[in-house]
Amino acid sequence: QADSIDAMLDLYHLEGTDAITRQLLKPVLQSELGLPIRTIQFEPLSGAPEENIGFEYEGRSYGPSLEPKLRMRVIYETEDNFISLFSIGQRTDGAWRIVSSRRID
């Protein structure tokens, strides 16, 4: 329940990402900033399309900044029980971070 975009960005593995990726994240994070969290659940990856970090954008290929290991489901304490899903991975130092996208070409 961070109180700033920078604090929320710290939850992401941004190593190797470009400015475009970080700029695209900010408005998404802004929409969740300050929402009260009801629960956070960790689940095995299911193979759902949203778990696939790979995509093409303006002729460039992007892939995961970390190998996705788990899905994190954040359920917010809102009228509609808003849910955000994230793929998370573990860094070499053992810390878990939300997987982002990085250019791979």
C-alpha atoms as a PDB file:
ATOM      1  CA  GLN A   1       0.000   0.000   0.000  1.00  0.00           C
ATOM      2  CA  ALA A   2       2.568   2.454  -1.230  1.00  0.00           C
ATOM      3  CA  ASP A   3       1.925   6.175  -1.165  1.00  0.00           C
ATOM      4  CA  SER A   4       3.908   7.078  -4.283  1.00  0.00           C
ATOM      5  CA  ILE A   5       4.521   5.796  -7.801  1.00  0.00           C
ATOM      6  CA  ASP A   6       8.251   5.426  -7.073  1.00  0.00           C
ATOM      7  CA  ALA A   7       7.506   3.141  -4.112  1.00  0.00           C
ATOM      8  CA  MET A   8       5.258   1.024  -6.325  1.00  0.00           C
ATOM      9  CA  LEU A   9       7.916   0.888  -9.066  1.00  0.00           C
ATOM     10  CA  ASP A  10      10.304  -0.547  -6.461  1.00  0.00           C
ATOM     11  CA  LEU A  11       8.107  -3.687  -6.433  1.00  0.00           C
ATOM     12  CA  TYR A  12       9.002  -4.336 -10.083  1.00  0.00           C
ATOM     13  CA  HIS A  13      12.133  -5.877 -11.553  1.00  0.00           C
ATOM     14  CA  LEU A  14      13.086  -3.075 -13.931  1.00  0.00           C
ATOM     15  CA  GLU A  15      16.671  -4.132 -14.655  1.00  0.00           C
ATOM     16  CA  GLY A  16      17.169  -4.081 -18.401  1.00  0.00           C
ATOM     17  CA  THR A  17      13.911  -2.274 -19.090  1.00  0.00           C
ATOM     18  CA  ASP A  18      13.744   0.830 -21.228  1.00  0.00           C
ATOM     19  CA  ALA A  19      12.183   4.227 -20.586  1.00  0.00           C
ATOM     20  CA  ILE A  20       9.116   3.268 -22.642  1.00  0.00           C
ATOM     21  CA  THR A  21       8.341   0.341 -20.329  1.00  0.00           C
ATOM     22  CA  ARG A  22       8.695   2.496 -17.219  1.00  0.00           C
ATOM     23  CA  GLN A  23       6.553   5.262 -18.755  1.00  0.00           C
ATOM     24  CA  LEU A  24       3.812   2.768 -19.673  1.00  0.00           C
ATOM     25  CA  LEU A  25       3.758   1.431 -16.099  1.00  0.00           C
ATOM     26  CA  LYS A  26       3.199   4.781 -14.410  1.00  0.00           C
ATOM     27  CA  PRO A  27      -0.431   5.456 -15.467  1.00  0.00           C
ATOM     28  CA  VAL A  28      -1.404   1.878 -14.622  1.00  0.00           C
ATOM     29  CA  LEU A  29       0.151   2.184 -11.192  1.00  0.00           C
ATOM     30  CA  GLN A  30      -1.474   5.576 -10.667  1.00  0.00           C
ATOM     31  CA  SER A  31      -4.909   3.950 -10.969  1.00  0.00           C
ATOM     32  CA  GLU A  32      -4.083   1.557  -8.096  1.00  0.00           C
ATOM     33  CA  LEU A  33      -2.207   4.016  -5.897  1.00  0.00           C
ATOM     34  CA  GLY A  34      -3.827   4.265  -2.482  1.00  0.00           C
ATOM     35  CA  LEU A  35      -6.436   1.554  -3.015  1.00  0.00           C
ATOM     36  CA  PRO A  36      -6.880  -0.445   0.197  1.00  0.00           C
ATOM     37  CA  ILE A  37      -5.731  -4.042  -0.181  1.00  0.00           C
ATOM     38  CA  ARG A  38      -8.037  -6.773   1.105  1.00  0.00           C
ATOM     39  CA  THR A  39      -5.785  -9.759   0.376  1.00  0.00           C
ATOM     40  CA  ILE A  40      -2.741 -10.859  -1.585  1.00  0.00           C
ATOM     41  CA  GLN A  41      -2.629 -14.458  -2.788  1.00  0.00           C
ATOM     42  CA  PHE A  42       0.163 -16.374  -4.495  1.00  0.00           C
ATOM     43  CA  GLU A  43      -0.713 -19.107  -6.992  1.00  0.00           C
ATOM     44  CA  PRO A  44       1.087 -21.348  -9.458  1.00  0.00           C
ATOM     45  CA  LEU A  45       1.189 -20.045 -13.007  1.00  0.00           C
ATOM     46  CA  SER A  46      -1.775 -21.324 -14.986  1.00  0.00           C
ATOM     47  CA  GLY A  47      -0.617 -20.641 -18.548  1.00  0.00           C
ATOM     48  CA  ALA A  48      -3.164 -17.841 -18.944  1.00  0.00           C
ATOM     49  CA  PRO A  49      -2.396 -15.313 -21.705  1.00  0.00           C
ATOM     50  CA  GLU A  50      -1.770 -12.471 -19.235  1.00  0.00           C
ATOM     51  CA  GLU A  51       1.119 -14.453 -17.740  1.00  0.00           C
ATOM     52  CA  ASN A  52       2.966 -14.292 -21.078  1.00  0.00           C
ATOM     53  CA  ILE A  53       5.212 -11.245 -20.929  1.00  0.00           C
ATOM     54  CA  GLY A  54       6.396 -11.544 -24.545  1.00  0.00           C
ATOM     55  CA  PHE A  55       5.051  -9.125 -27.148  1.00  0.00           C
ATOM     56  CA  GLU A  56       6.007  -7.006 -30.158  1.00  0.00           C
ATOM     57  CA  TYR A  57       5.804  -3.207 -30.051  1.00  0.00           C
ATOM     58  CA  GLU A  58       6.798  -0.898 -32.914  1.00  0.00           C
ATOM     59  CA  GLY A  59       8.810  -3.693 -34.523  1.00  0.00           C
ATOM     60  CA  ARG A  60      10.728  -4.526 -31.343  1.00  0.00           C
ATOM     61  CA  SER A  61      10.513  -7.751 -29.341  1.00  0.00           C
ATOM     62  CA  TYR A  62       9.957  -7.656 -25.595  1.00  0.00           C
ATOM     63  CA  GLY A  63      10.213 -10.449 -23.031  1.00  0.00           C
ATOM     64  CA  PRO A  64      10.200 -10.874 -19.236  1.00  0.00           C
ATOM     65  CA  SER A  65      12.674  -9.017 -17.048  1.00  0.00           C
ATOM     66  CA  LEU A  66      12.748 -12.105 -14.774  1.00  0.00           C
ATOM     67  CA  GLU A  67      11.551 -15.642 -15.305  1.00  0.00           C
ATOM     68  CA  PRO A  68       7.932 -15.719 -14.079  1.00  0.00           C
ATOM     69  CA  LYS A  69       7.563 -18.200 -11.193  1.00  0.00           C
ATOM     70  CA  LEU A  70       4.213 -17.399  -9.543  1.00  0.00           C
ATOM     71  CA  ARG A  71       1.058 -15.391 -10.030  1.00  0.00           C
ATOM     72  CA  MET A  72       0.234 -12.761  -7.432  1.00  0.00           C
ATOM     73  CA  ARG A  73      -3.455 -11.891  -7.088  1.00  0.00           C
ATOM     74  CA  VAL A  74      -4.150  -8.605  -5.303  1.00  0.00           C
ATOM     75  CA  ILE A  75      -7.771  -8.122  -4.248  1.00  0.00           C
ATOM     76  CA  TYR A  76      -8.615  -4.579  -3.282  1.00  0.00           C
ATOM     77  CA  GLU A  77     -11.159  -3.501  -0.677  1.00  0.00           C
ATOM     78  CA  THR A  78     -13.398  -1.684  -3.153  1.00  0.00           C
ATOM     79  CA  GLU A  79     -17.102  -1.882  -3.976  1.00  0.00           C
ATOM     80  CA  ASP A  80     -16.393  -4.071  -6.996  1.00  0.00           C
ATOM     81  CA  ASN A  81     -13.564  -6.074  -5.332  1.00  0.00           C
ATOM     82  CA  PHE A  82     -11.111  -4.919  -8.005  1.00  0.00           C
ATOM     83  CA  ILE A  83      -8.411  -7.533  -8.718  1.00  0.00           C
ATOM     84  CA  SER A  84      -4.940  -7.102 -10.202  1.00  0.00           C
ATOM     85  CA  LEU A  85      -2.899 -10.067 -11.398  1.00  0.00           C
ATOM     86  CA  PHE A  86       0.889 -10.006 -11.592  1.00  0.00           C
ATOM     87  CA  SER A  87       3.559 -12.492 -12.592  1.00  0.00           C
ATOM     88  CA  ILE A  88       6.387 -12.509 -10.082  1.00  0.00           C
ATOM     89  CA  GLY A  89       9.894 -13.869 -10.242  1.00  0.00           C
ATOM     90  CA  GLN A  90      12.863 -14.267  -7.938  1.00  0.00           C
ATOM     91  CA  ARG A  91      16.096 -12.341  -8.420  1.00  0.00           C
ATOM     92  CA  THR A  92      19.494 -13.941  -7.905  1.00  0.00           C
ATOM     93  CA  ASP A  93      19.696 -12.273  -4.473  1.00  0.00           C
ATOM     94  CA  GLY A  94      16.495 -14.106  -3.439  1.00  0.00           C
ATOM     95  CA  ALA A  95      14.206 -11.061  -3.560  1.00  0.00           C
ATOM     96  CA  TRP A  96      10.835 -11.465  -5.279  1.00  0.00           C
ATOM     97  CA  ARG A  97       9.727  -8.777  -7.730  1.00  0.00           C
ATOM     98  CA  ILE A  98       6.912  -8.215 -10.182  1.00  0.00           C
ATOM     99  CA  VAL A  99       8.038  -9.217 -13.655  1.00  0.00           C
ATOM    100  CA  SER A 100       8.183  -6.421 -16.168  1.00  0.00           C
ATOM    101  CA  SER A 101       9.060  -6.420 -19.843  1.00  0.00           C
ATOM    102  CA  ARG A 102      12.430  -5.683 -21.387  1.00  0.00           C
ATOM    103  CA  ARG A 103      13.614  -5.421 -24.933  1.00  0.00           C
ATOM    104  CA  ILE A 104      15.115  -8.695 -26.138  1.00  0.00           C
ATOM    105  CA  ASP A 105      16.234  -7.821 -29.681  1.00  0.00           C
END
